[in-house]
Amino acid sequence: MANARKILKEHVADMVPADGVVHCRGDELTFDSMEAFGRHVDALLSRPPRSRGEAVADVLATHLGEPDLLPEESFAVTVGDDGRIRCGCGWTGSAGVDADEWREHLADAILEALGRVE
């Protein structure tokens, strides 16, 4: 999977009602429908990584998020009110703060991504 956050941030649809076409901001392509634009984005999201480095970078971006100037907005890993770790990908730990469980989850994601390198 390519870095979903980056793809979704860059590839935004601009619809022009007058001409009935959809423009993609990410790569300047034009589509005749939102459905066609959606297939374009789906293809980008499902593309396997091209290298081991890209695979690891994609996993880190998906699970850790992006650095932010505001410390409270930095990175996507949080601890909820219930004490469970919440990963940027949506995964939630099964017990209280268990960094080892989260690291295992992250390692599994990295290994899975490395297995999909073309």
PDB file of N, CA and C in Angstrom:
ATOM      1  N   MET A   1       0.850  -1.174   0.000  1.00  0.00           N
ATOM      2  CA  MET A   1       0.000   0.000   0.000  1.00  0.00           C
ATOM      3  C   MET A   1       0.886   1.223   0.000  1.00  0.00           C
ATOM      4  N   ALA A   2       0.574   2.136  -0.818  1.00  0.00           N
ATOM      5  CA  ALA A   2       1.288   3.402  -0.803  1.00  0.00           C
ATOM      6  C   ALA A   2       0.808   4.212   0.400  1.00  0.00           C
ATOM      7  N   ASN A   3       1.515   5.250   0.749  1.00  0.00           N
ATOM      8  CA  ASN A   3       1.156   6.065   1.897  1.00  0.00           C
ATOM      9  C   ASN A   3      -0.228   6.676   1.692  1.00  0.00           C
ATOM     10  N   ALA A   4      -1.223   6.079   2.340  1.00  0.00           N
ATOM     11  CA  ALA A   4      -2.614   6.481   2.132  1.00  0.00           C
ATOM     12  C   ALA A   4      -2.854   7.933   2.506  1.00  0.00           C
ATOM     13  N   ARG A   5      -2.284   8.367   3.615  1.00  0.00           N
ATOM     14  CA  ARG A   5      -2.507   9.755   4.033  1.00  0.00           C
ATOM     15  C   ARG A   5      -2.009  10.733   2.970  1.00  0.00           C
ATOM     16  N   LYS A   6      -0.827  10.467   2.455  1.00  0.00           N
ATOM     17  CA  LYS A   6      -0.243  11.364   1.457  1.00  0.00           C
ATOM     18  C   LYS A   6      -1.079  11.348   0.172  1.00  0.00           C
ATOM     19  N   ILE A   7      -1.477  10.167  -0.259  1.00  0.00           N
ATOM     20  CA  ILE A   7      -2.273  10.043  -1.487  1.00  0.00           C
ATOM     21  C   ILE A   7      -3.602  10.780  -1.338  1.00  0.00           C
ATOM     22  N   LEU A   8      -4.290  10.559  -0.224  1.00  0.00           N
ATOM     23  CA  LEU A   8      -5.593  11.187  -0.036  1.00  0.00           C
ATOM     24  C   LEU A   8      -5.481  12.702   0.125  1.00  0.00           C
ATOM     25  N   LYS A   9      -4.364  13.164   0.646  1.00  0.00           N
ATOM     26  CA  LYS A   9      -4.148  14.607   0.793  1.00  0.00           C
ATOM     27  C   LYS A   9      -3.854  15.261  -0.558  1.00  0.00           C
ATOM     28  N   GLU A  10      -3.092  14.575  -1.399  1.00  0.00           N
ATOM     29  CA  GLU A  10      -2.685  15.140  -2.687  1.00  0.00           C
ATOM     30  C   GLU A  10      -3.721  14.943  -3.787  1.00  0.00           C
ATOM     31  N   HIS A  11      -4.374  13.806  -3.811  1.00  0.00           N
ATOM     32  CA  HIS A  11      -5.296  13.473  -4.904  1.00  0.00           C
ATOM     33  C   HIS A  11      -6.728  13.802  -4.488  1.00  0.00           C
ATOM     34  N   VAL A  12      -7.063  15.061  -4.646  1.00  0.00           N
ATOM     35  CA  VAL A  12      -8.376  15.583  -4.286  1.00  0.00           C
ATOM     36  C   VAL A  12      -9.131  15.893  -5.571  1.00  0.00           C
ATOM     37  N   ALA A  13     -10.424  15.607  -5.558  1.00  0.00           N
ATOM     38  CA  ALA A  13     -11.247  15.842  -6.748  1.00  0.00           C
ATOM     39  C   ALA A  13     -11.739  17.277  -6.790  1.00  0.00           C
ATOM     40  N   ASP A  14     -11.601  17.884  -7.944  1.00  0.00           N
ATOM     41  CA  ASP A  14     -12.208  19.188  -8.228  1.00  0.00           C
ATOM     42  C   ASP A  14     -13.222  18.957  -9.336  1.00  0.00           C
ATOM     43  N   MET A  15     -14.492  19.106  -8.989  1.00  0.00           N
ATOM     44  CA  MET A  15     -15.540  18.881  -9.988  1.00  0.00           C
ATOM     45  C   MET A  15     -15.933  20.220 -10.605  1.00  0.00           C
ATOM     46  N   VAL A  16     -16.028  20.232 -11.906  1.00  0.00           N
ATOM     47  CA  VAL A  16     -16.451  21.428 -12.634  1.00  0.00           C
ATOM     48  C   VAL A  16     -17.823  21.128 -13.228  1.00  0.00           C
ATOM     49  N   PRO A  17     -18.892  21.600 -12.549  1.00  0.00           N
ATOM     50  CA  PRO A  17     -20.245  21.285 -13.022  1.00  0.00           C
ATOM     51  C   PRO A  17     -20.501  21.711 -14.466  1.00  0.00           C
ATOM     52  N   ALA A  18     -19.900  22.809 -14.895  1.00  0.00           N
ATOM     53  CA  ALA A  18     -20.156  23.312 -16.253  1.00  0.00           C
ATOM     54  C   ALA A  18     -19.738  22.315 -17.325  1.00  0.00           C
ATOM     55  N   ASP A  19     -18.587  21.665 -17.118  1.00  0.00           N
ATOM     56  CA  ASP A  19     -18.143  20.714 -18.146  1.00  0.00           C
ATOM     57  C   ASP A  19     -18.324  19.256 -17.723  1.00  0.00           C
ATOM     58  N   GLY A  20     -18.792  19.032 -16.487  1.00  0.00           N
ATOM     59  CA  GLY A  20     -19.101  17.678 -16.035  1.00  0.00           C
ATOM     60  C   GLY A  20     -17.910  16.762 -15.862  1.00  0.00           C
ATOM     61  N   VAL A  21     -16.730  17.327 -15.703  1.00  0.00           N
ATOM     62  CA  VAL A  21     -15.544  16.493 -15.519  1.00  0.00           C
ATOM     63  C   VAL A  21     -14.975  16.691 -14.119  1.00  0.00           C
ATOM     64  N   VAL A  22     -14.172  15.730 -13.720  1.00  0.00           N
ATOM     65  CA  VAL A  22     -13.520  15.756 -12.415  1.00  0.00           C
ATOM     66  C   VAL A  22     -12.020  15.853 -12.649  1.00  0.00           C
ATOM     67  N   HIS A  23     -11.400  16.836 -12.039  1.00  0.00           N
ATOM     68  CA  HIS A  23      -9.951  17.026 -12.149  1.00  0.00           C
ATOM     69  C   HIS A  23      -9.293  16.520 -10.870  1.00  0.00           C
ATOM     70  N   CYS A  24      -8.188  15.819 -11.011  1.00  0.00           N
ATOM     71  CA  CYS A  24      -7.413  15.347  -9.867  1.00  0.00           C
ATOM     72  C   CYS A  24      -6.286  16.341  -9.620  1.00  0.00           C
ATOM     73  N   ARG A  25      -6.244  16.906  -8.414  1.00  0.00           N
ATOM     74  CA  ARG A  25      -5.196  17.875  -8.080  1.00  0.00           C
ATOM     75  C   ARG A  25      -3.824  17.222  -7.991  1.00  0.00           C
ATOM     76  N   GLY A  26      -3.782  15.942  -7.679  1.00  0.00           N
ATOM     77  CA  GLY A  26      -2.511  15.260  -7.455  1.00  0.00           C
ATOM     78  C   GLY A  26      -1.669  15.065  -8.690  1.00  0.00           C
ATOM     79  N   ASP A  27      -2.299  14.789  -9.806  1.00  0.00           N
ATOM     80  CA  ASP A  27      -1.513  14.524 -11.011  1.00  0.00           C
ATOM     81  C   ASP A  27      -2.118  15.142 -12.264  1.00  0.00           C
ATOM     82  N   GLU A  28      -3.049  16.073 -12.067  1.00  0.00           N
ATOM     83  CA  GLU A  28      -3.615  16.845 -13.181  1.00  0.00           C
ATOM     84  C   GLU A  28      -4.380  16.003 -14.198  1.00  0.00           C
ATOM     85  N   LEU A  29      -4.816  14.819 -13.819  1.00  0.00           N
ATOM     86  CA  LEU A  29      -5.627  14.003 -14.726  1.00  0.00           C
ATOM     87  C   LEU A  29      -7.075  14.474 -14.678  1.00  0.00           C
ATOM     88  N   THR A  30      -7.822  14.169 -15.716  1.00  0.00           N
ATOM     89  CA  THR A  30      -9.233  14.527 -15.806  1.00  0.00           C
ATOM     90  C   THR A  30     -10.047  13.255 -15.997  1.00  0.00           C
ATOM     91  N   PHE A  31     -11.186  13.175 -15.300  1.00  0.00           N
ATOM     92  CA  PHE A  31     -12.051  11.994 -15.353  1.00  0.00           C
ATOM     93  C   PHE A  31     -13.463  12.426 -15.703  1.00  0.00           C
ATOM     94  N   ASP A  32     -14.197  11.516 -16.347  1.00  0.00           N
ATOM     95  CA  ASP A  32     -15.554  11.862 -16.769  1.00  0.00           C
ATOM     96  C   ASP A  32     -16.599  11.636 -15.683  1.00  0.00           C
ATOM     97  N   SER A  33     -16.189  11.102 -14.517  1.00  0.00           N
ATOM     98  CA  SER A  33     -17.133  10.892 -13.420  1.00  0.00           C
ATOM     99  C   SER A  33     -16.373  10.747 -12.101  1.00  0.00           C
ATOM    100  N   MET A  34     -17.102  10.918 -10.996  1.00  0.00           N
ATOM    101  CA  MET A  34     -16.498  10.697  -9.676  1.00  0.00           C
ATOM    102  C   MET A  34     -16.138   9.221  -9.509  1.00  0.00           C
ATOM    103  N   GLU A  35     -16.922   8.355 -10.118  1.00  0.00           N
ATOM    104  CA  GLU A  35     -16.624   6.923 -10.049  1.00  0.00           C
ATOM    105  C   GLU A  35     -15.265   6.622 -10.682  1.00  0.00           C
ATOM    106  N   ALA A  36     -15.001   7.211 -11.831  1.00  0.00           N
ATOM    107  CA  ALA A  36     -13.708   7.011 -12.500  1.00  0.00           C
ATOM    108  C   ALA A  36     -12.573   7.596 -11.658  1.00  0.00           C
ATOM    109  N   PHE A  37     -12.808   8.759 -11.056  1.00  0.00           N
ATOM    110  CA  PHE A  37     -11.806   9.353 -10.167  1.00  0.00           C
ATOM    111  C   PHE A  37     -11.555   8.421  -8.977  1.00  0.00           C
ATOM    112  N   GLY A  38     -12.615   7.853  -8.423  1.00  0.00           N
ATOM    113  CA  GLY A  38     -12.478   6.924  -7.301  1.00  0.00           C
ATOM    114  C   GLY A  38     -11.657   5.699  -7.665  1.00  0.00           C
ATOM    115  N   ARG A  39     -11.851   5.170  -8.866  1.00  0.00           N
ATOM    116  CA  ARG A  39     -11.045   4.027  -9.316  1.00  0.00           C
ATOM    117  C   ARG A  39      -9.570   4.419  -9.420  1.00  0.00           C
ATOM    118  N   HIS A  40      -9.313   5.642  -9.867  1.00  0.00           N
ATOM    119  CA  HIS A  40      -7.944   6.162  -9.957  1.00  0.00           C
ATOM    120  C   HIS A  40      -7.291   6.173  -8.565  1.00  0.00           C
ATOM    121  N   VAL A  41      -7.993   6.712  -7.583  1.00  0.00           N
ATOM    122  CA  VAL A  41      -7.446   6.776  -6.222  1.00  0.00           C
ATOM    123  C   VAL A  41      -7.303   5.369  -5.643  1.00  0.00           C
ATOM    124  N   ASP A  42      -8.276   4.504  -5.867  1.00  0.00           N
ATOM    125  CA  ASP A  42      -8.177   3.118  -5.387  1.00  0.00           C
ATOM    126  C   ASP A  42      -6.938   2.431  -5.939  1.00  0.00           C
ATOM    127  N   ALA A  43      -6.651   2.661  -7.212  1.00  0.00           N
ATOM    128  CA  ALA A  43      -5.463   2.052  -7.824  1.00  0.00           C
ATOM    129  C   ALA A  43      -4.191   2.571  -7.168  1.00  0.00           C
ATOM    130  N   LEU A  44      -4.155   3.859  -6.862  1.00  0.00           N
ATOM    131  CA  LEU A  44      -2.983   4.422  -6.185  1.00  0.00           C
ATOM    132  C   LEU A  44      -2.813   3.816  -4.794  1.00  0.00           C
ATOM    133  N   LEU A  45      -3.928   3.646  -4.084  1.00  0.00           N
ATOM    134  CA  LEU A  45      -3.871   3.113  -2.719  1.00  0.00           C
ATOM    135  C   LEU A  45      -3.499   1.635  -2.681  1.00  0.00           C
ATOM    136  N   SER A  46      -3.812   0.903  -3.728  1.00  0.00           N
ATOM    137  CA  SER A  46      -3.552  -0.540  -3.722  1.00  0.00           C
ATOM    138  C   SER A  46      -2.214  -0.913  -4.358  1.00  0.00           C
ATOM    139  N   ARG A  47      -1.499   0.074  -4.869  1.00  0.00           N
ATOM    140  CA  ARG A  47      -0.203  -0.198  -5.509  1.00  0.00           C
ATOM    141  C   ARG A  47       0.775  -0.762  -4.482  1.00  0.00           C
ATOM    142  N   PRO A  48       1.428  -1.896  -4.799  1.00  0.00           N
ATOM    143  CA  PRO A  48       2.417  -2.441  -3.869  1.00  0.00           C
ATOM    144  C   PRO A  48       3.655  -1.546  -3.813  1.00  0.00           C
ATOM    145  N   PRO A  49       4.374  -1.573  -2.700  1.00  0.00           N
ATOM    146  CA  PRO A  49       5.593  -0.764  -2.602  1.00  0.00           C
ATOM    147  C   PRO A  49       6.628  -1.211  -3.628  1.00  0.00           C
ATOM    148  N   ARG A  50       7.428  -0.264  -4.103  1.00  0.00           N
ATOM    149  CA  ARG A  50       8.434  -0.554  -5.131  1.00  0.00           C
ATOM    150  C   ARG A  50       9.773  -0.969  -4.541  1.00  0.00           C
ATOM    151  N   SER A  51       9.973  -0.685  -3.264  1.00  0.00           N
ATOM    152  CA  SER A  51      11.243  -1.040  -2.627  1.00  0.00           C
ATOM    153  C   SER A  51      10.995  -1.337  -1.154  1.00  0.00           C
ATOM    154  N   ARG A  52      11.981  -1.950  -0.520  1.00  0.00           N
ATOM    155  CA  ARG A  52      11.870  -2.240   0.914  1.00  0.00           C
ATOM    156  C   ARG A  52      11.781  -0.932   1.705  1.00  0.00           C
ATOM    157  N   GLY A  53      12.550   0.064   1.292  1.00  0.00           N
ATOM    158  CA  GLY A  53      12.511   1.359   1.971  1.00  0.00           C
ATOM    159  C   GLY A  53      11.149   2.012   1.880  1.00  0.00           C
ATOM    160  N   GLU A  54      10.549   1.960   0.679  1.00  0.00           N
ATOM    161  CA  GLU A  54       9.213   2.527   0.508  1.00  0.00           C
ATOM    162  C   GLU A  54       8.199   1.767   1.359  1.00  0.00           C
ATOM    163  N   ALA A  55       8.349   0.457   1.442  1.00  0.00           N
ATOM    164  CA  ALA A  55       7.430  -0.352   2.246  1.00  0.00           C
ATOM    165  C   ALA A  55       7.475   0.071   3.710  1.00  0.00           C
ATOM    166  N   VAL A  56       8.673   0.208   4.249  1.00  0.00           N
ATOM    167  CA  VAL A  56       8.817   0.596   5.659  1.00  0.00           C
ATOM    168  C   VAL A  56       8.323   2.028   5.865  1.00  0.00           C
ATOM    169  N   ALA A  57       8.676   2.933   4.965  1.00  0.00           N
ATOM    170  CA  ALA A  57       8.237   4.328   5.089  1.00  0.00           C
ATOM    171  C   ALA A  57       6.712   4.431   5.053  1.00  0.00           C
ATOM    172  N   ASP A  58       6.062   3.654   4.185  1.00  0.00           N
ATOM    173  CA  ASP A  58       4.603   3.668   4.108  1.00  0.00           C
ATOM    174  C   ASP A  58       3.981   3.192   5.413  1.00  0.00           C
ATOM    175  N   VAL A  59       4.524   2.121   5.980  1.00  0.00           N
ATOM    176  CA  VAL A  59       3.994   1.600   7.242  1.00  0.00           C
ATOM    177  C   VAL A  59       4.162   2.638   8.347  1.00  0.00           C
ATOM    178  N   LEU A  60       5.336   3.231   8.432  1.00  0.00           N
ATOM    179  CA  LEU A  60       5.568   4.234   9.476  1.00  0.00           C
ATOM    180  C   LEU A  60       4.616   5.417   9.323  1.00  0.00           C
ATOM    181  N   ALA A  61       4.390   5.870   8.101  1.00  0.00           N
ATOM    182  CA  ALA A  61       3.465   6.986   7.882  1.00  0.00           C
ATOM    183  C   ALA A  61       2.042   6.606   8.268  1.00  0.00           C
ATOM    184  N   THR A  62       1.635   5.396   7.919  1.00  0.00           N
ATOM    185  CA  THR A  62       0.282   4.947   8.231  1.00  0.00           C
ATOM    186  C   THR A  62       0.068   4.791   9.727  1.00  0.00           C
ATOM    187  N   HIS A  63       1.056   4.257  10.419  1.00  0.00           N
ATOM    188  CA  HIS A  63       0.895   3.938  11.833  1.00  0.00           C
ATOM    189  C   HIS A  63       1.301   5.066  12.770  1.00  0.00           C
ATOM    190  N   LEU A  64       2.254   5.889  12.363  1.00  0.00           N
ATOM    191  CA  LEU A  64       2.732   6.953  13.244  1.00  0.00           C
ATOM    192  C   LEU A  64       2.180   8.325  12.892  1.00  0.00           C
ATOM    193  N   GLY A  65       1.750   8.513  11.674  1.00  0.00           N
ATOM    194  CA  GLY A  65       1.262   9.818  11.267  1.00  0.00           C
ATOM    195  C   GLY A  65       2.401  10.723  10.850  1.00  0.00           C
ATOM    196  N   GLU A  66       2.145  12.002  10.893  1.00  0.00           N
ATOM    197  CA  GLU A  66       3.115  12.996  10.446  1.00  0.00           C
ATOM    198  C   GLU A  66       3.490  13.911  11.603  1.00  0.00           C
ATOM    199  N   PRO A  67       4.743  14.368  11.648  1.00  0.00           N
ATOM    200  CA  PRO A  67       5.109  15.356  12.663  1.00  0.00           C
ATOM    201  C   PRO A  67       4.311  16.642  12.448  1.00  0.00           C
ATOM    202  N   ASP A  68       4.024  17.330  13.523  1.00  0.00           N
ATOM    203  CA  ASP A  68       3.259  18.564  13.451  1.00  0.00           C
ATOM    204  C   ASP A  68       3.928  19.599  14.342  1.00  0.00           C
ATOM    205  N   LEU A  69       3.778  20.862  13.995  1.00  0.00           N
ATOM    206  CA  LEU A  69       4.376  21.921  14.807  1.00  0.00           C
ATOM    207  C   LEU A  69       3.798  21.963  16.216  1.00  0.00           C
ATOM    208  N   LEU A  70       2.538  21.553  16.356  1.00  0.00           N
ATOM    209  CA  LEU A  70       1.913  21.515  17.676  1.00  0.00           C
ATOM    210  C   LEU A  70       2.146  20.146  18.292  1.00  0.00           C
ATOM    211  N   PRO A  71       2.824  20.084  19.437  1.00  0.00           N
ATOM    212  CA  PRO A  71       3.142  18.781  20.036  1.00  0.00           C
ATOM    213  C   PRO A  71       1.922  17.888  20.244  1.00  0.00           C
ATOM    214  N   GLU A  72       0.792  18.473  20.616  1.00  0.00           N
ATOM    215  CA  GLU A  72      -0.399  17.654  20.863  1.00  0.00           C
ATOM    216  C   GLU A  72      -0.990  17.094  19.577  1.00  0.00           C
ATOM    217  N   GLU A  73      -0.562  17.607  18.431  1.00  0.00           N
ATOM    218  CA  GLU A  73      -1.050  17.113  17.144  1.00  0.00           C
ATOM    219  C   GLU A  73      -0.063  16.158  16.477  1.00  0.00           C
ATOM    220  N   SER A  74       1.115  16.019  17.057  1.00  0.00           N
ATOM    221  CA  SER A  74       2.155  15.205  16.431  1.00  0.00           C
ATOM    222  C   SER A  74       1.874  13.723  16.599  1.00  0.00           C
ATOM    223  N   PHE A  75       2.090  13.017  15.556  1.00  0.00           N
ATOM    224  CA  PHE A  75       2.014  11.570  15.512  1.00  0.00           C
ATOM    225  C   PHE A  75       0.641  11.045  15.915  1.00  0.00           C
ATOM    226  N   ALA A  76       0.321   9.905  15.395  1.00  0.00           N
ATOM    227  CA  ALA A  76      -1.034   9.382  15.508  1.00  0.00           C
ATOM    228  C   ALA A  76      -1.204   8.319  16.581  1.00  0.00           C
ATOM    229  N   VAL A  77      -0.156   7.984  17.291  1.00  0.00           N
ATOM    230  CA  VAL A  77      -0.276   6.974  18.344  1.00  0.00           C
ATOM    231  C   VAL A  77      -0.657   7.681  19.634  1.00  0.00           C
ATOM    232  N   THR A  78      -1.751   7.236  20.233  1.00  0.00           N
ATOM    233  CA  THR A  78      -2.225   7.856  21.469  1.00  0.00           C
ATOM    234  C   THR A  78      -2.583   6.780  22.482  1.00  0.00           C
ATOM    235  N   VAL A  79      -2.810   7.208  23.703  1.00  0.00           N
ATOM    236  CA  VAL A  79      -3.326   6.324  24.743  1.00  0.00           C
ATOM    237  C   VAL A  79      -4.696   6.866  25.109  1.00  0.00           C
ATOM    238  N   GLY A  80      -5.705   6.022  24.978  1.00  0.00           N
ATOM    239  CA  GLY A  80      -7.072   6.446  25.250  1.00  0.00           C
ATOM    240  C   GLY A  80      -7.359   6.548  26.734  1.00  0.00           C
ATOM    241  N   ASP A  81      -8.541   7.054  27.062  1.00  0.00           N
ATOM    242  CA  ASP A  81      -8.961   7.173  28.457  1.00  0.00           C
ATOM    243  C   ASP A  81      -8.997   5.825  29.155  1.00  0.00           C
ATOM    244  N   ASP A  82      -9.166   4.761  28.379  1.00  0.00           N
ATOM    245  CA  ASP A  82      -9.200   3.414  28.948  1.00  0.00           C
ATOM    246  C   ASP A  82      -7.799   2.842  29.141  1.00  0.00           C
ATOM    247  N   GLY A  83      -6.771   3.624  28.785  1.00  0.00           N
ATOM    248  CA  GLY A  83      -5.393   3.183  28.970  1.00  0.00           C
ATOM    249  C   GLY A  83      -4.859   2.312  27.849  1.00  0.00           C
ATOM    250  N   ARG A  84      -5.645   2.113  26.801  1.00  0.00           N
ATOM    251  CA  ARG A  84      -5.201   1.265  25.692  1.00  0.00           C
ATOM    252  C   ARG A  84      -4.550   2.107  24.607  1.00  0.00           C
ATOM    253  N   ILE A  85      -3.492   1.576  24.010  1.00  0.00           N
ATOM    254  CA  ILE A  85      -2.792   2.269  22.936  1.00  0.00           C
ATOM    255  C   ILE A  85      -3.648   2.232  21.676  1.00  0.00           C
ATOM    256  N   ARG A  86      -3.725   3.374  21.007  1.00  0.00           N
ATOM    257  CA  ARG A  86      -4.434   3.481  19.734  1.00  0.00           C
ATOM    258  C   ARG A  86      -3.424   3.901  18.675  1.00  0.00           C
ATOM    259  N   CYS A  87      -3.309   3.051  17.674  1.00  0.00           N
ATOM    260  CA  CYS A  87      -2.356   3.282  16.593  1.00  0.00           C
ATOM    261  C   CYS A  87      -3.007   4.161  15.527  1.00  0.00           C
ATOM    262  N   GLY A  88      -2.188   4.849  14.754  1.00  0.00           N
ATOM    263  CA  GLY A  88      -2.693   5.703  13.688  1.00  0.00           C
ATOM    264  C   GLY A  88      -3.470   4.962  12.618  1.00  0.00           C
ATOM    265  N   CYS A  89      -3.281   3.655  12.505  1.00  0.00           N
ATOM    266  CA  CYS A  89      -3.981   2.865  11.492  1.00  0.00           C
ATOM    267  C   CYS A  89      -5.374   2.444  11.951  1.00  0.00           C
ATOM    268  N   GLY A  90      -5.690   2.681  13.231  1.00  0.00           N
ATOM    269  CA  GLY A  90      -6.985   2.275  13.761  1.00  0.00           C
ATOM    270  C   GLY A  90      -6.915   1.120  14.742  1.00  0.00           C
ATOM    271  N   TRP A  91      -5.787   0.428  14.798  1.00  0.00           N
ATOM    272  CA  TRP A  91      -5.600  -0.688  15.720  1.00  0.00           C
ATOM    273  C   TRP A  91      -5.650  -0.175  17.154  1.00  0.00           C
ATOM    274  N   THR A  92      -6.245  -0.974  18.057  1.00  0.00           N
ATOM    275  CA  THR A  92      -6.284  -0.644  19.481  1.00  0.00           C
ATOM    276  C   THR A  92      -5.764  -1.829  20.260  1.00  0.00           C
ATOM    277  N   GLY A  93      -4.894  -1.557  21.222  1.00  0.00           N
ATOM    278  CA  GLY A  93      -4.328  -2.613  22.054  1.00  0.00           C
ATOM    279  C   GLY A  93      -5.396  -3.325  22.861  1.00  0.00           C
ATOM    280  N   SER A  94      -5.093  -4.546  23.285  1.00  0.00           N
ATOM    281  CA  SER A  94      -6.075  -5.350  24.008  1.00  0.00           C
ATOM    282  C   SER A  94      -6.038  -5.116  25.508  1.00  0.00           C
ATOM    283  N   ALA A  95      -4.956  -4.543  26.002  1.00  0.00           N
ATOM    284  CA  ALA A  95      -4.816  -4.338  27.445  1.00  0.00           C
ATOM    285  C   ALA A  95      -4.437  -2.887  27.702  1.00  0.00           C
ATOM    286  N   GLY A  96      -4.100  -2.613  28.955  1.00  0.00           N
ATOM    287  CA  GLY A  96      -3.627  -1.276  29.313  1.00  0.00           C
ATOM    288  C   GLY A  96      -2.394  -0.938  28.491  1.00  0.00           C
ATOM    289  N   VAL A  97      -1.756   0.162  28.821  1.00  0.00           N
ATOM    290  CA  VAL A  97      -0.590   0.610  28.055  1.00  0.00           C
ATOM    291  C   VAL A  97       0.418  -0.528  27.974  1.00  0.00           C
ATOM    292  N   ASP A  98       0.517  -1.128  26.808  1.00  0.00           N
ATOM    293  CA  ASP A  98       1.423  -2.250  26.573  1.00  0.00           C
ATOM    294  C   ASP A  98       2.214  -1.936  25.310  1.00  0.00           C
ATOM    295  N   ALA A  99       3.336  -1.257  25.505  1.00  0.00           N
ATOM    296  CA  ALA A  99       4.148  -0.842  24.366  1.00  0.00           C
ATOM    297  C   ALA A  99       4.660  -2.037  23.582  1.00  0.00           C
ATOM    298  N   ASP A 100       4.913  -3.153  24.258  1.00  0.00           N
ATOM    299  CA  ASP A 100       5.393  -4.338  23.546  1.00  0.00           C
ATOM    300  C   ASP A 100       4.338  -4.862  22.583  1.00  0.00           C
ATOM    301  N   GLU A 101       3.076  -4.846  22.978  1.00  0.00           N
ATOM    302  CA  GLU A 101       1.995  -5.288  22.090  1.00  0.00           C
ATOM    303  C   GLU A 101       1.928  -4.371  20.863  1.00  0.00           C
ATOM    304  N   TRP A 102       2.053  -3.063  21.071  1.00  0.00           N
ATOM    305  CA  TRP A 102       2.016  -2.121  19.956  1.00  0.00           C
ATOM    306  C   TRP A 102       3.226  -2.309  19.050  1.00  0.00           C
ATOM    307  N   ARG A 103       4.411  -2.510  19.630  1.00  0.00           N
ATOM    308  CA  ARG A 103       5.608  -2.738  18.810  1.00  0.00           C
ATOM    309  C   ARG A 103       5.459  -4.007  17.973  1.00  0.00           C
ATOM    310  N   GLU A 104       4.866  -5.038  18.553  1.00  0.00           N
ATOM    311  CA  GLU A 104       4.628  -6.281  17.806  1.00  0.00           C
ATOM    312  C   GLU A 104       3.663  -6.018  16.643  1.00  0.00           C
ATOM    313  N   HIS A 105       2.627  -5.236  16.911  1.00  0.00           N
ATOM    314  CA  HIS A 105       1.677  -4.854  15.857  1.00  0.00           C
ATOM    315  C   HIS A 105       2.405  -4.109  14.736  1.00  0.00           C
ATOM    316  N   LEU A 106       3.265  -3.164  15.087  1.00  0.00           N
ATOM    317  CA  LEU A 106       4.016  -2.389  14.104  1.00  0.00           C
ATOM    318  C   LEU A 106       4.981  -3.282  13.326  1.00  0.00           C
ATOM    319  N   ALA A 107       5.669  -4.179  14.018  1.00  0.00           N
ATOM    320  CA  ALA A 107       6.593  -5.107  13.351  1.00  0.00           C
ATOM    321  C   ALA A 107       5.841  -6.001  12.369  1.00  0.00           C
ATOM    322  N   ASP A 108       4.670  -6.501  12.775  1.00  0.00           N
ATOM    323  CA  ASP A 108       3.863  -7.335  11.873  1.00  0.00           C
ATOM    324  C   ASP A 108       3.478  -6.557  10.612  1.00  0.00           C
ATOM    325  N   ALA A 109       3.107  -5.295  10.787  1.00  0.00           N
ATOM    326  CA  ALA A 109       2.727  -4.470   9.639  1.00  0.00           C
ATOM    327  C   ALA A 109       3.917  -4.247   8.707  1.00  0.00           C
ATOM    328  N   ILE A 110       5.094  -4.020   9.278  1.00  0.00           N
ATOM    329  CA  ILE A 110       6.296  -3.816   8.461  1.00  0.00           C
ATOM    330  C   ILE A 110       6.631  -5.088   7.694  1.00  0.00           C
ATOM    331  N   LEU A 111       6.597  -6.226   8.372  1.00  0.00           N
ATOM    332  CA  LEU A 111       6.914  -7.493   7.706  1.00  0.00           C
ATOM    333  C   LEU A 111       5.913  -7.803   6.596  1.00  0.00           C
ATOM    334  N   GLU A 112       4.638  -7.517   6.851  1.00  0.00           N
ATOM    335  CA  GLU A 112       3.611  -7.747   5.830  1.00  0.00           C
ATOM    336  C   GLU A 112       3.873  -6.855   4.616  1.00  0.00           C
ATOM    337  N   ALA A 113       4.221  -5.598   4.855  1.00  0.00           N
ATOM    338  CA  ALA A 113       4.499  -4.675   3.749  1.00  0.00           C
ATOM    339  C   ALA A 113       5.737  -5.105   2.973  1.00  0.00           C
ATOM    340  N   LEU A 114       6.754  -5.572   3.660  1.00  0.00           N
ATOM    341  CA  LEU A 114       7.965  -6.033   2.978  1.00  0.00           C
ATOM    342  C   LEU A 114       7.669  -7.237   2.087  1.00  0.00           C
ATOM    343  N   GLY A 115       6.713  -8.055   2.505  1.00  0.00           N
ATOM    344  CA  GLY A 115       6.326  -9.213   1.709  1.00  0.00           C
ATOM    345  C   GLY A 115       5.608  -8.851   0.423  1.00  0.00           C
ATOM    346  N   ARG A 116       5.155  -7.611   0.304  1.00  0.00           N
ATOM    347  CA  ARG A 116       4.427  -7.180  -0.893  1.00  0.00           C
ATOM    348  C   ARG A 116       5.282  -6.369  -1.854  1.00  0.00           C
ATOM    349  N   VAL A 117       6.563  -6.203  -1.551  1.00  0.00           N
ATOM    350  CA  VAL A 117       7.441  -5.420  -2.429  1.00  0.00           C
ATOM    351  C   VAL A 117       7.534  -6.107  -3.781  1.00  0.00           C
ATOM    352  N   GLU A 118       7.397  -5.320  -4.837  1.00  0.00           N
ATOM    353  CA  GLU A 118       7.476  -5.881  -6.200  1.00  0.00           C
ATOM    354  C   GLU A 118       8.904  -6.205  -6.558  1.00  0.00           C
TER     355      GLU A 118
END
